[in-house]
Structures are given as C-alpha cells and as structure tokens.
Amino acid sequence: MVKCDGIDDGSVETVVRRVKAAVLALHRSNDYDFSQFTFEKTVANIYPTLLALVNQLVSNGELNKSAVTISQCIQQHISNSTNQTTLGLAVKLHHEFGSSELLKVLNEHAYRDNV
C-alpha cells in the first residue's frame, strides 16, 4: 500500500484490482476444520493488504474484531466462498436452536454458507 495525499480514482481502481486478484488467487479449502476458529488463524486467512486497508478505515490501524469481520465479509463476497466467522455462526445457531431455518435467513441476507 502507498500513502495517498488525495483521492485519485486511478489509484483507487488500481488498489481494487490488486486486492480482487490477490483474494481470488488465495487457496481455499472446502474442508471445515474447526481448529481454524481462532482469532490468529482467522487473521492469517485474510489477504493482508485488504486487512490493512480495512484496519485503517475502521479502527485507525488497530487490529480488532470489527476490522477482521468486515475484511472477511469483503473477501467472502469477492471470492464467493465461506469464512470462519460465517461458518462458526451457522454452526452455533444450528447447535443452539436446532433449526436450519436460521441458516436460510442468513443465506437470504447474503451470508453464504454451504452448511
């Protein structure tokens, strides 16, 4: 990432293209390994430039759960794949309430999980 003094549509477009290409190139496993449900492993599965950009936008560069969650959601929508947060939420809701209806509601609101 480079420091920008002003907003330049060309530079924004360049960053968007780079982030999109890098996210799509990340290896995605279709395995649901529940050992992945740690903050450190979640952060490790997010494209670093995307996470740094969201950190700056959301929390002045501080790594926190909000920035990680937003980064995961953006990455999920770019790559059309699941992530630890939405998968974990789906599993928790299913165990807590025993209903697949909640999963359908999440899916209807663009939280895609193939559970």
Protein backbone atom coordinates (compact mmCIF):
# COMPACT_ATOMS: atom_id res chain seq x y z
CA MET A 1 0.00 0.00 0.00
CA VAL A 2 1.14 3.52 -0.69
CA LYS A 3 0.24 6.72 1.08
CA CYS A 4 -2.09 8.94 -0.93
CA ASP A 5 -2.38 12.66 -0.24
CA GLY A 6 -5.60 12.96 -2.19
CA ILE A 7 -8.21 10.73 -3.71
CA ASP A 8 -7.26 9.65 -7.18
CA ASP A 9 -9.80 7.44 -8.96
CA GLY A 10 -6.98 5.75 -10.85
CA SER A 11 -5.12 4.79 -7.71
CA VAL A 12 -8.31 3.54 -6.03
CA GLU A 13 -9.10 1.44 -9.09
CA THR A 14 -5.56 0.03 -9.04
CA VAL A 15 -5.84 -0.97 -5.38
CA VAL A 16 -9.25 -2.56 -6.01
CA ARG A 17 -7.90 -4.61 -8.93
CA ARG A 18 -4.88 -5.77 -6.91
CA VAL A 19 -6.93 -6.75 -3.87
CA LYS A 20 -9.51 -8.57 -6.00
CA ALA A 21 -6.87 -10.50 -7.93
CA ALA A 22 -4.99 -11.46 -4.77
CA VAL A 23 -8.14 -12.59 -2.93
CA LEU A 24 -9.22 -14.72 -5.87
CA ALA A 25 -5.74 -16.29 -6.02
CA LEU A 26 -5.80 -17.37 -2.35
CA HIS A 27 -6.07 -21.11 -1.77
CA ARG A 28 -9.49 -22.07 -0.46
CA SER A 29 -10.14 -25.34 1.27
CA ASN A 30 -13.64 -26.76 1.28
CA ASP A 31 -12.82 -28.65 4.46
CA TYR A 32 -14.46 -27.38 7.61
CA ASP A 33 -11.63 -27.69 10.09
CA PHE A 34 -12.93 -26.46 13.43
CA SER A 35 -9.39 -25.89 14.68
CA GLN A 36 -9.44 -22.82 12.41
CA PHE A 37 -11.76 -20.98 14.82
CA THR A 38 -9.10 -18.88 16.48
CA PHE A 39 -8.52 -15.17 16.03
CA GLU A 40 -4.93 -15.71 14.87
CA LYS A 41 -5.86 -18.30 12.24
CA THR A 42 -8.74 -16.16 11.04
CA VAL A 43 -6.40 -13.19 10.56
CA ALA A 44 -3.91 -15.41 8.75
CA ASN A 45 -6.60 -16.35 6.19
CA ILE A 46 -7.33 -12.73 5.21
CA TYR A 47 -5.41 -11.06 2.41
CA PRO A 48 -3.01 -8.75 4.32
CA THR A 49 -3.47 -5.66 2.11
CA LEU A 50 -7.24 -5.89 2.43
CA LEU A 51 -6.98 -6.26 6.20
CA ALA A 52 -4.56 -3.31 6.44
CA LEU A 53 -6.90 -1.14 4.35
CA VAL A 54 -9.96 -2.02 6.45
CA ASN A 55 -7.97 -1.55 9.67
CA GLN A 56 -7.12 1.98 8.58
CA LEU A 57 -10.73 2.73 7.59
CA VAL A 58 -12.40 1.21 10.65
CA SER A 59 -10.02 1.45 13.57
CA ASN A 60 -7.12 3.79 12.71
CA GLY A 61 -4.83 0.82 12.04
CA GLU A 62 -5.68 -1.14 15.18
CA LEU A 63 -6.40 -4.81 14.56
CA ASN A 64 -9.74 -5.62 16.15
CA LYS A 65 -12.71 -7.92 15.64
CA SER A 66 -14.68 -5.33 13.68
CA ALA A 67 -11.92 -4.89 11.11
CA VAL A 68 -11.41 -8.66 10.83
CA THR A 69 -15.13 -9.31 10.38
CA ILE A 70 -15.51 -6.64 7.70
CA SER A 71 -12.39 -7.90 5.90
CA GLN A 72 -13.74 -11.45 5.96
CA CYS A 73 -17.09 -10.31 4.57
CA ILE A 74 -15.45 -8.39 1.73
CA GLN A 75 -13.15 -11.30 0.94
CA GLN A 76 -16.09 -13.72 1.06
CA HIS A 77 -18.07 -11.68 -1.44
CA ILE A 78 -15.10 -11.26 -3.78
CA SER A 79 -14.30 -14.97 -3.82
CA ASN A 80 -17.85 -16.31 -3.25
CA SER A 81 -16.54 -18.62 -0.54
CA THR A 82 -17.16 -19.18 3.14
CA ASN A 83 -15.04 -17.98 6.03
CA GLN A 84 -14.57 -18.92 9.68
CA THR A 85 -16.94 -16.27 11.04
CA THR A 86 -20.00 -17.15 8.97
CA LEU A 87 -19.37 -20.87 9.26
CA GLY A 88 -18.93 -20.57 13.01
CA LEU A 89 -22.10 -18.51 13.32
CA ALA A 90 -24.07 -21.05 11.30
CA VAL A 91 -22.81 -23.96 13.41
CA LYS A 92 -23.50 -22.09 16.66
CA LEU A 93 -27.05 -21.19 15.59
CA HIS A 94 -27.75 -24.71 14.44
CA HIS A 95 -26.48 -26.20 17.72
CA GLU A 96 -28.25 -23.60 19.85
CA PHE A 97 -31.63 -23.69 18.12
CA GLY A 98 -31.52 -26.91 16.06
CA SER A 99 -33.10 -25.20 13.10
CA SER A 100 -31.98 -24.90 9.52
CA GLU A 101 -34.46 -22.02 9.10
CA LEU A 102 -31.95 -19.63 10.68
CA LEU A 103 -29.37 -20.71 8.13
CA LYS A 104 -31.86 -19.98 5.34
CA VAL A 105 -32.47 -16.49 6.76
CA LEU A 106 -28.71 -15.82 6.83
CA ASN A 107 -28.38 -17.07 3.27
CA GLU A 108 -31.21 -14.79 2.14
CA HIS A 109 -29.29 -11.86 3.59
CA ALA A 110 -26.12 -12.72 1.63
CA TYR A 111 -24.35 -14.72 4.34
CA ARG A 112 -23.47 -17.68 2.16
CA ASP A 113 -22.61 -20.86 3.93
CA ASN A 114 -22.91 -24.29 2.43
CA VAL A 115 -23.84 -25.93 5.70
